[in-house]
Amino acid sequence: MGRVVDSYVVRYVGGPLDGRVDSVARPRPEPRPTVKHVHLHGGPKIVHHYDLHYAVEYGCEYRLRVDDEDGVGDERGDDGDGACTGAGEG
């Protein structure tokens, strides 16, 4: 018999990681509530924060944090209660 490998999918919505999907072999016991992405290049360091949300379509996903000062709105609201057990780290 073949071995069944379980993997967990972590999705990112918004910002430079938009559309990224990571597969992890095993979820963290307590998923990280926030993932920080740091972009280093020739100019200044750019930091984006992604917050854990529940999405009916996919389960758990990390969404770009909206900074009220920038006036940038998030296209998607929280679709659930925020309970995301089984989400991996990004």
Protein backbone atom coordinates (compact mmCIF):
# COMPACT_ATOMS: atom_id res chain seq x y z
CA MET A 1 0.00 0.00 0.00
CA GLY A 2 1.10 3.54 -0.70
CA ARG A 3 1.75 5.93 2.12
CA VAL A 4 -0.67 8.84 2.48
CA VAL A 5 1.07 12.11 3.17
CA ASP A 6 -0.98 14.81 4.86
CA SER A 7 0.01 18.35 4.13
CA TYR A 8 -1.50 21.61 5.26
CA VAL A 9 -1.90 24.60 3.01
CA VAL A 10 -1.14 28.16 4.06
CA ARG A 11 -2.43 30.92 1.77
CA TYR A 12 -1.48 34.61 1.65
CA VAL A 13 -3.79 37.40 0.50
CA GLY A 14 -2.66 40.93 -0.40
CA GLY A 15 0.67 42.68 -0.61
CA PRO A 16 3.82 41.17 -2.08
CA LEU A 17 2.88 37.62 -0.99
CA ASP A 18 -0.56 37.76 -2.63
CA GLY A 19 -1.39 34.41 -4.20
CA ARG A 20 1.43 32.55 -2.46
CA VAL A 21 0.50 29.08 -1.25
CA ASP A 22 2.82 27.13 1.05
CA SER A 23 2.43 23.48 1.96
CA VAL A 24 3.75 22.33 5.31
CA ALA A 25 4.02 18.75 6.49
CA ARG A 26 2.69 19.39 9.96
CA PRO A 27 0.74 22.30 11.44
CA ARG A 28 1.94 24.19 14.48
CA PRO A 29 0.01 23.35 17.66
CA GLU A 30 -0.86 27.06 17.95
CA PRO A 31 -0.71 28.89 14.62
CA ARG A 32 1.11 32.19 14.53
CA PRO A 33 -1.43 35.03 14.73
CA THR A 34 0.85 37.26 12.60
CA VAL A 35 3.53 36.64 9.99
CA LYS A 36 6.04 39.40 9.20
CA HIS A 37 7.48 39.66 5.67
CA VAL A 38 10.57 41.84 5.24
CA HIS A 39 11.58 42.88 1.72
CA LEU A 40 15.22 43.88 1.39
CA HIS A 41 16.45 45.58 -1.76
CA GLY A 42 18.64 48.50 -2.80
CA GLY A 43 16.31 51.00 -1.10
CA PRO A 44 14.75 51.11 2.35
CA LYS A 45 13.58 47.97 4.13
CA ILE A 46 9.86 47.32 3.53
CA VAL A 47 7.91 45.40 6.19
CA HIS A 48 4.44 43.89 5.74
CA HIS A 49 2.39 42.12 8.41
CA TYR A 50 -0.09 39.36 7.63
CA ASP A 51 -2.76 38.44 10.17
CA LEU A 52 -4.37 35.02 10.48
CA HIS A 53 -8.04 34.85 9.40
CA TYR A 54 -10.57 32.15 8.66
CA ALA A 55 -11.97 31.95 5.13
CA VAL A 56 -14.92 29.72 4.30
CA GLU A 57 -13.42 28.83 0.90
CA TYR A 58 -9.97 27.77 2.08
CA GLY A 59 -9.89 27.48 5.84
CA CYS A 60 -7.07 29.55 7.25
CA GLU A 61 -5.16 32.23 5.43
CA TYR A 62 -2.90 35.14 6.23
CA ARG A 63 -4.20 38.51 5.03
CA LEU A 64 -2.23 41.70 4.63
CA ARG A 65 -2.74 43.96 7.63
CA VAL A 66 -4.48 47.19 6.72
CA ASP A 67 -2.75 50.34 7.91
CA ASP A 68 -5.42 52.96 8.59
CA GLU A 69 -2.95 55.80 8.11
CA ASP A 70 -2.38 54.80 4.48
CA GLY A 71 -6.10 54.77 3.78
CA VAL A 72 -5.71 51.37 2.14
CA GLY A 73 -8.72 49.09 2.60
CA ASP A 74 -8.76 45.31 2.71
CA GLU A 75 -10.97 43.87 -0.03
CA ARG A 76 -11.98 40.94 2.12
CA GLY A 77 -13.42 40.93 5.61
CA ASP A 78 -13.13 38.18 8.19
CA ASP A 79 -15.36 35.32 7.04
CA GLY A 80 -15.45 33.42 10.30
CA ASP A 81 -14.66 33.30 13.95
CA GLY A 82 -10.88 33.38 13.52
CA ALA A 83 -10.43 29.80 14.76
CA CYS A 84 -7.62 28.47 12.57
CA THR A 85 -6.21 25.37 14.14
CA GLY A 86 -4.04 23.48 11.76
CA ALA A 87 -2.57 26.47 9.90
CA GLY A 88 1.14 26.21 9.22
CA GLU A 89 3.76 28.84 9.53
CA GLY A 90 4.64 31.10 6.65
